[in-house]
């Protein structure tokens, strides 16, 4: 008669086999859409006296993911910013020239284009439905090697970090799927092979702390970069993250949604500060539209003209209040 220990061991082995097959299957489906990006850029190094030296050509590399069959590739802004020449190596070994179609340092996202059709591409998932602990698989080209796959979990949601350009990026995903230099710009995907984020940074020398831009932010930004070549957005001057509410509070306080945008930072002198927004306020709606998360706020700021007055419905402690805010054009203010 088989012992309990042997049965448990076999069950554990079956689970590991199923997990391995799932990761391998995702790698097989998504890897053809992942590319290596080689960049020649002009950079001005800093001399010993602290002054910038004349620009010189430097080489860089990163990863990207094809998101349309006609050759639009998503990557990080810091990979292709100031690029003089870009070459994309496809999974089948072909190398093609590429040009930048749009670059958004504020979210560390960029879109480049190769002149090719019928390419394999990866599909966007939904980062709003992510849960801490679910499987996350990173695919990239660290050190210029072709297609490296690492697996882990979604470790945390709603993080904030500063990009290499110094911009604060909110609502970042944290994962322990290992990333290496050259993985930047590659996709973070779920167990079905759908993109849930674009890998952007690893904390060195920390172990197991890597970050990705959530795909709902990616989708909004990429759409604007493809259609407009840039991201036009209003500027409020806050840092924030998604704040879920208990269903009972939603009912008692008559809130428009089961989550809002928690104000984690208010920049002095910003439109938000002039409107009277405070730390720990929760934005419930903007111009009458419910704000369930930071992506909703980014989307509405991108779709409304700047320099007009809009109403913000805010939860402060346990009271709702309405504030008037006038967003500025993002280029007219920093942060």
Protein backbone atom coordinates (compact mmCIF):
# COMPACT_ATOMS: atom_id res chain seq x y z
CA UNK A 1 0.00 0.00 0.00
CA UNK A 2 1.37 3.38 -0.99
CA UNK A 3 2.20 5.74 1.87
CA UNK A 4 0.85 9.26 2.27
CA UNK A 5 4.32 10.72 1.76
CA UNK A 6 4.76 9.05 -1.63
CA UNK A 7 1.32 10.24 -2.76
CA UNK A 8 2.09 13.83 -1.71
CA UNK A 9 5.46 13.66 -3.47
CA UNK A 10 3.85 12.47 -6.70
CA UNK A 11 1.19 15.20 -6.48
CA UNK A 12 3.95 17.78 -6.03
CA UNK A 13 5.84 16.42 -9.02
CA UNK A 14 2.69 16.55 -11.14
CA UNK A 15 2.13 20.17 -10.16
CA UNK A 16 5.73 21.05 -11.05
CA UNK A 17 5.39 19.25 -14.38
CA UNK A 18 2.19 21.18 -15.14
CA UNK A 19 3.88 24.47 -14.20
CA UNK A 20 6.90 23.65 -16.38
CA UNK A 21 4.68 22.80 -19.34
CA UNK A 22 2.73 26.02 -18.90
CA UNK A 23 5.87 28.19 -18.83
CA UNK A 24 7.36 26.34 -21.82
CA UNK A 25 4.11 26.73 -23.73
CA UNK A 26 4.02 30.47 -23.08
CA UNK A 27 7.65 30.79 -24.18
CA UNK A 28 6.87 28.95 -27.42
CA UNK A 29 3.91 31.24 -28.18
CA UNK A 30 5.39 34.61 -27.21
CA UNK A 31 9.11 34.29 -28.03
CA UNK A 32 8.58 34.74 -31.81
CA UNK A 33 7.23 38.23 -31.06
CA UNK A 34 10.19 39.26 -28.87
CA UNK A 35 13.05 41.11 -30.57
CA UNK A 36 16.55 42.29 -29.82
CA UNK A 37 17.16 46.02 -30.32
CA UNK A 38 20.66 47.35 -31.06
CA UNK A 39 21.00 51.13 -30.81
CA UNK A 40 23.65 53.63 -31.81
CA UNK A 41 23.04 56.88 -29.94
CA UNK A 42 24.73 60.23 -29.43
CA UNK A 43 25.62 60.91 -25.81
CA UNK A 44 27.65 63.63 -24.12
CA UNK A 45 29.83 62.12 -21.37
CA UNK A 46 30.76 64.18 -18.32
CA UNK A 47 34.41 65.13 -17.96
CA UNK A 48 36.45 65.03 -14.76
CA UNK A 49 35.75 68.71 -14.21
CA UNK A 50 32.01 68.05 -14.29
CA UNK A 51 31.47 69.65 -17.68
CA UNK A 52 29.88 67.81 -20.61
CA UNK A 53 32.28 66.60 -23.29
CA UNK A 54 31.48 66.70 -27.03
CA UNK A 55 28.84 64.13 -28.07
CA UNK A 56 30.09 60.76 -29.18
CA UNK A 57 28.48 57.63 -30.52
CA UNK A 58 27.71 54.90 -27.99
CA UNK A 59 26.22 51.44 -28.44
CA UNK A 60 23.27 50.12 -26.48
CA UNK A 61 20.91 47.18 -26.52
CA UNK A 62 17.51 46.21 -25.22
CA UNK A 63 14.46 44.14 -25.93
CA UNK A 64 11.10 44.83 -27.50
CA UNK A 65 7.86 43.10 -28.35
CA UNK A 66 5.97 43.19 -31.64
CA UNK A 67 2.35 44.23 -31.01
CA UNK A 68 0.99 44.41 -34.58
CA UNK A 69 1.64 42.18 -37.59
CA UNK A 70 2.80 45.20 -39.63
CA UNK A 71 5.85 45.84 -37.49
CA UNK A 72 5.06 48.16 -34.57
CA UNK A 73 7.35 47.26 -31.66
CA UNK A 74 6.99 48.41 -28.04
CA UNK A 75 10.10 48.98 -25.95
CA UNK A 76 11.44 51.34 -23.28
CA UNK A 77 12.09 55.00 -23.97
CA UNK A 78 15.51 54.75 -22.34
CA UNK A 79 16.50 52.02 -24.82
CA UNK A 80 15.95 54.14 -27.97
CA UNK A 81 16.04 57.75 -26.74
CA UNK A 82 18.40 59.94 -28.83
CA UNK A 83 19.01 57.02 -31.20
CA UNK A 84 20.91 57.69 -34.40
CA UNK A 85 20.44 54.18 -35.76
CA UNK A 86 18.30 51.25 -34.65
CA UNK A 87 18.52 47.64 -35.77
CA UNK A 88 15.97 45.03 -34.77
CA UNK A 89 16.84 41.34 -34.83
CA UNK A 90 13.78 39.14 -35.15
CA UNK A 91 13.39 35.75 -33.53
CA UNK A 92 14.06 34.08 -36.91
CA UNK A 93 17.48 35.78 -37.12
CA UNK A 94 16.66 38.51 -39.64
CA UNK A 95 17.97 42.00 -38.87
CA UNK A 96 15.92 45.00 -39.98
CA UNK A 97 16.36 48.76 -39.71
CA UNK A 98 13.84 50.54 -37.50
CA UNK A 99 12.81 54.11 -36.77
CA UNK A 100 11.24 55.70 -33.70
CA UNK A 101 7.55 56.45 -34.19
CA UNK A 102 6.98 57.86 -30.72
CA UNK A 103 8.84 58.28 -27.44
CA UNK A 104 7.35 59.03 -24.01
CA UNK A 105 10.04 59.39 -21.31
CA UNK A 106 7.36 60.11 -18.70
CA UNK A 107 6.23 56.47 -18.81
CA UNK A 108 9.54 55.11 -20.17
CA UNK A 109 7.73 53.75 -23.23
CA UNK A 110 8.51 54.03 -26.93
CA UNK A 111 7.24 52.62 -30.21
CA UNK A 112 9.56 51.77 -33.08
CA UNK A 113 8.61 50.48 -36.54
CA UNK A 114 10.15 47.97 -38.90
CA UNK A 115 9.10 47.79 -42.54
CA UNK A 116 7.74 44.25 -42.58
CA UNK A 117 4.34 42.56 -42.66
CA UNK A 118 2.88 39.29 -41.44
CA UNK A 119 4.98 39.28 -38.29
CA UNK A 120 4.12 37.27 -35.17
CA UNK A 121 2.84 39.53 -32.40
CA UNK A 122 1.81 39.37 -28.77
CA UNK A 123 -1.58 40.44 -27.44
CA UNK A 124 -2.34 42.81 -24.57
CA UNK A 125 -3.92 41.45 -21.38
CA UNK A 126 -5.58 43.41 -18.56
CA UNK A 127 -3.39 44.66 -15.71
CA UNK A 128 -6.42 45.80 -13.68
CA UNK A 129 -7.36 42.15 -13.13
CA UNK A 130 -3.92 41.15 -11.82
CA UNK A 131 -3.55 39.62 -8.37
CA UNK A 132 -0.48 39.44 -6.18
CA UNK A 133 0.93 35.92 -6.38
CA UNK A 134 -0.10 35.05 -9.93
CA UNK A 135 2.45 33.73 -12.40
CA UNK A 136 4.55 36.30 -14.30
CA UNK A 137 6.92 35.32 -17.11
CA UNK A 138 9.57 37.71 -18.45
CA UNK A 139 10.96 37.27 -21.96
CA UNK A 140 13.87 39.31 -23.25
CA UNK A 141 17.38 39.41 -24.65
CA UNK A 142 19.77 40.06 -21.73
CA UNK A 143 23.33 40.85 -22.81
CA UNK A 144 22.16 40.57 -26.43
CA UNK A 145 21.50 36.82 -26.19
CA UNK A 146 18.44 35.66 -28.09
CA UNK A 147 15.26 34.89 -26.14
CA UNK A 148 15.85 34.35 -22.45
CA UNK A 149 12.84 33.30 -20.37
CA UNK A 150 12.51 33.75 -16.60
CA UNK A 151 9.50 33.02 -14.42
CA UNK A 152 8.21 34.27 -11.10
CA UNK A 153 5.12 35.90 -9.64
CA UNK A 154 3.53 39.33 -9.42
CA UNK A 155 5.01 40.44 -6.09
CA UNK A 156 3.17 43.76 -5.63
CA UNK A 157 0.91 46.23 -7.37
CA UNK A 158 0.71 50.04 -7.31
CA UNK A 159 4.42 50.74 -6.79
CA UNK A 160 6.08 54.02 -7.82
CA UNK A 161 9.57 54.47 -9.23
CA UNK A 162 11.63 57.03 -11.10
CA UNK A 163 12.61 56.30 -14.67
CA UNK A 164 16.17 56.80 -15.94
CA UNK A 165 15.03 60.23 -17.20
CA UNK A 166 13.96 61.17 -13.66
CA UNK A 167 10.19 61.01 -14.24
CA UNK A 168 8.05 59.47 -11.51
CA UNK A 169 6.09 56.49 -12.88
CA UNK A 170 3.10 55.41 -10.81
CA UNK A 171 1.14 52.17 -10.58
CA UNK A 172 4.16 50.00 -11.44
CA UNK A 173 4.09 46.21 -11.17
CA UNK A 174 6.71 44.50 -9.03
CA UNK A 175 7.82 40.98 -9.93
CA UNK A 176 10.48 38.55 -8.80
CA UNK A 177 10.92 37.17 -12.33
CA UNK A 178 14.65 37.88 -12.75
CA UNK A 179 15.61 40.64 -15.21
CA UNK A 180 19.06 41.43 -16.53
CA UNK A 181 20.64 44.23 -18.57
CA UNK A 182 19.15 43.95 -22.03
CA UNK A 183 15.79 42.68 -20.77
CA UNK A 184 14.46 46.25 -20.66
CA UNK A 185 11.59 46.71 -23.08
CA UNK A 186 10.66 43.02 -23.21
CA UNK A 187 7.23 41.74 -22.21
CA UNK A 188 6.05 40.43 -18.87
CA UNK A 189 3.26 37.97 -19.67
CA UNK A 190 0.71 35.89 -17.80
CA UNK A 191 0.14 32.13 -17.91
CA UNK A 192 -1.85 32.53 -21.15
CA UNK A 193 0.90 34.47 -22.90
CA UNK A 194 -0.86 37.84 -22.76
CA UNK A 195 1.23 40.94 -22.07
CA UNK A 196 0.64 42.24 -18.54
CA UNK A 197 3.57 44.67 -18.47
CA UNK A 198 6.70 45.97 -20.18
CA UNK A 199 9.86 45.27 -18.19
CA UNK A 200 11.63 48.46 -17.26
CA UNK A 201 14.01 48.18 -14.30
CA UNK A 202 15.76 45.98 -11.79
CA UNK A 203 16.91 47.16 -8.36
CA UNK A 204 20.63 46.47 -7.98
CA UNK A 205 22.01 44.94 -5.76
CA UNK A 206 18.62 43.83 -4.39
CA UNK A 207 17.54 40.29 -5.23
CA UNK A 208 14.15 39.61 -6.75
CA UNK A 209 12.96 43.22 -7.09
CA UNK A 210 12.11 44.02 -10.70
CA UNK A 211 9.54 46.38 -12.18
CA UNK A 212 7.25 46.51 -15.20
CA UNK A 213 4.92 49.17 -16.61
CA UNK A 214 1.33 47.82 -16.42
CA UNK A 215 -0.17 46.89 -19.77
CA UNK A 216 -3.24 49.11 -19.43
CA UNK A 217 -0.90 52.10 -19.24
CA UNK A 218 1.11 50.63 -22.12
CA UNK A 219 -1.99 50.23 -24.28
CA UNK A 220 -3.08 53.85 -23.81
CA UNK A 221 0.37 55.30 -24.41
CA UNK A 222 1.15 53.06 -27.39
CA UNK A 223 -2.13 53.96 -29.10
CA UNK A 224 -1.25 57.66 -28.89
CA UNK A 225 2.35 57.12 -29.99
CA UNK A 226 1.22 55.16 -33.06
CA UNK A 227 -1.53 57.60 -34.05
CA UNK A 228 -0.01 60.93 -32.94
CA UNK A 229 3.69 60.30 -32.48
CA UNK A 230 3.52 61.73 -28.97
CA UNK A 231 1.47 61.65 -25.78
CA UNK A 232 -0.54 64.78 -25.06
CA UNK A 233 -1.65 64.88 -21.46
CA UNK A 234 -2.85 67.31 -18.88
CA UNK A 235 -0.71 67.87 -15.82
CA UNK A 236 -2.09 67.77 -12.27
CA UNK A 237 1.12 67.38 -10.28
CA UNK A 238 0.29 64.39 -8.11
CA UNK A 239 1.66 60.94 -7.46
CA UNK A 240 -0.95 58.31 -6.78
CA UNK A 241 -2.02 54.70 -6.67
CA UNK A 242 -5.20 52.67 -6.75
CA UNK A 243 -7.16 52.61 -3.48
CA UNK A 244 -9.82 49.87 -3.15
CA UNK A 245 -12.87 50.43 -0.93
CA UNK A 246 -14.79 47.95 1.17
CA UNK A 247 -18.18 47.26 -0.37
CA UNK A 248 -19.91 48.44 2.78
CA UNK A 249 -18.21 51.84 2.53
CA UNK A 250 -19.16 52.08 -1.14
CA UNK A 251 -22.80 51.63 -0.15
CA UNK A 252 -22.78 53.82 2.97
CA UNK A 253 -20.84 56.71 1.39
CA UNK A 254 -22.54 56.31 -2.00
CA UNK A 255 -19.21 56.13 -3.85
CA UNK A 256 -19.20 55.95 -7.67
CA UNK A 257 -16.93 52.88 -7.82
CA UNK A 258 -15.27 50.26 -5.62
CA UNK A 259 -11.88 51.97 -5.94
CA UNK A 260 -10.38 55.42 -6.49
CA UNK A 261 -7.02 57.18 -6.86
CA UNK A 262 -5.18 57.74 -3.59
CA UNK A 263 -3.13 60.96 -3.62
CA UNK A 264 0.32 59.92 -2.40
CA UNK A 265 2.14 63.12 -3.39
CA UNK A 266 1.17 66.72 -4.22
CA UNK A 267 3.80 68.87 -5.90
CA UNK A 268 3.97 72.43 -4.51
CA UNK A 269 2.56 75.06 -6.86
CA UNK A 270 0.96 72.43 -9.12
CA UNK A 271 -2.64 72.55 -10.42
CA UNK A 272 -3.51 69.92 -7.78
CA UNK A 273 -2.04 72.05 -4.99
CA UNK A 274 -3.88 75.16 -6.22
CA UNK A 275 -7.12 73.17 -6.35
CA UNK A 276 -6.69 72.20 -2.68
CA UNK A 277 -5.90 68.50 -3.09
CA UNK A 278 -4.17 67.06 -0.04
CA UNK A 279 -2.09 64.03 0.77
CA UNK A 280 -4.29 60.95 1.33
CA UNK A 281 -7.29 62.42 -0.49
CA UNK A 282 -8.93 59.89 -2.79
CA UNK A 283 -10.04 61.11 -6.22
CA UNK A 284 -13.43 59.55 -6.97
CA UNK A 285 -14.32 61.22 -10.26
CA UNK A 286 -12.96 63.70 -12.80
CA UNK A 287 -15.41 65.76 -14.85
CA UNK A 288 -18.21 63.41 -13.79
CA UNK A 289 -16.35 60.22 -14.82
CA UNK A 290 -15.49 57.65 -12.14
CA UNK A 291 -11.76 57.27 -11.51
CA UNK A 292 -11.19 53.64 -10.50
CA UNK A 293 -7.42 53.69 -10.86
CA UNK A 294 -4.46 55.74 -11.99
CA UNK A 295 -4.85 54.54 -15.58
CA UNK A 296 -8.36 56.07 -15.62
CA UNK A 297 -6.89 59.38 -14.48
CA UNK A 298 -4.12 59.27 -17.09
CA UNK A 299 -6.64 58.44 -19.78
CA UNK A 300 -9.01 61.27 -18.88
CA UNK A 301 -6.16 63.79 -18.64
CA UNK A 302 -5.04 62.70 -22.11
CA UNK A 303 -8.54 63.06 -23.56
CA UNK A 304 -9.48 66.47 -22.09
CA UNK A 305 -7.97 69.80 -23.23
CA UNK A 306 -5.66 71.52 -20.75
CA UNK A 307 -6.28 74.98 -19.25
CA UNK A 308 -9.99 74.33 -18.68
CA UNK A 309 -11.68 74.00 -15.29
CA UNK A 310 -12.93 70.54 -14.31
CA UNK A 311 -14.64 69.21 -11.20
CA UNK A 312 -12.92 66.66 -9.01
CA UNK A 313 -15.03 64.61 -6.60
CA UNK A 314 -12.76 63.75 -3.68
CA UNK A 315 -13.07 61.62 -0.55
CA UNK A 316 -11.30 63.27 2.39
CA UNK A 317 -11.38 61.06 5.46
CA UNK A 318 -15.09 60.09 5.41
CA UNK A 319 -16.54 63.12 3.65
CA UNK A 320 -17.01 63.82 -0.07
CA UNK A 321 -16.19 67.25 -1.45
CA UNK A 322 -15.93 68.85 -4.87
CA UNK A 323 -12.84 70.76 -5.99
CA UNK A 324 -12.23 72.74 -9.16
CA UNK A 325 -8.95 72.02 -10.96
CA UNK A 326 -7.35 73.51 -14.09
CA UNK A 327 -4.82 71.02 -15.58
CA UNK A 328 -1.89 72.53 -17.42
CA UNK A 329 -0.39 71.23 -20.65
CA UNK A 330 2.21 68.70 -19.51
CA UNK A 331 4.97 70.39 -21.49
CA UNK A 332 4.33 73.66 -19.68
CA UNK A 333 5.24 72.19 -16.30
CA UNK A 334 7.63 69.62 -14.94
CA UNK A 335 6.77 66.45 -13.00
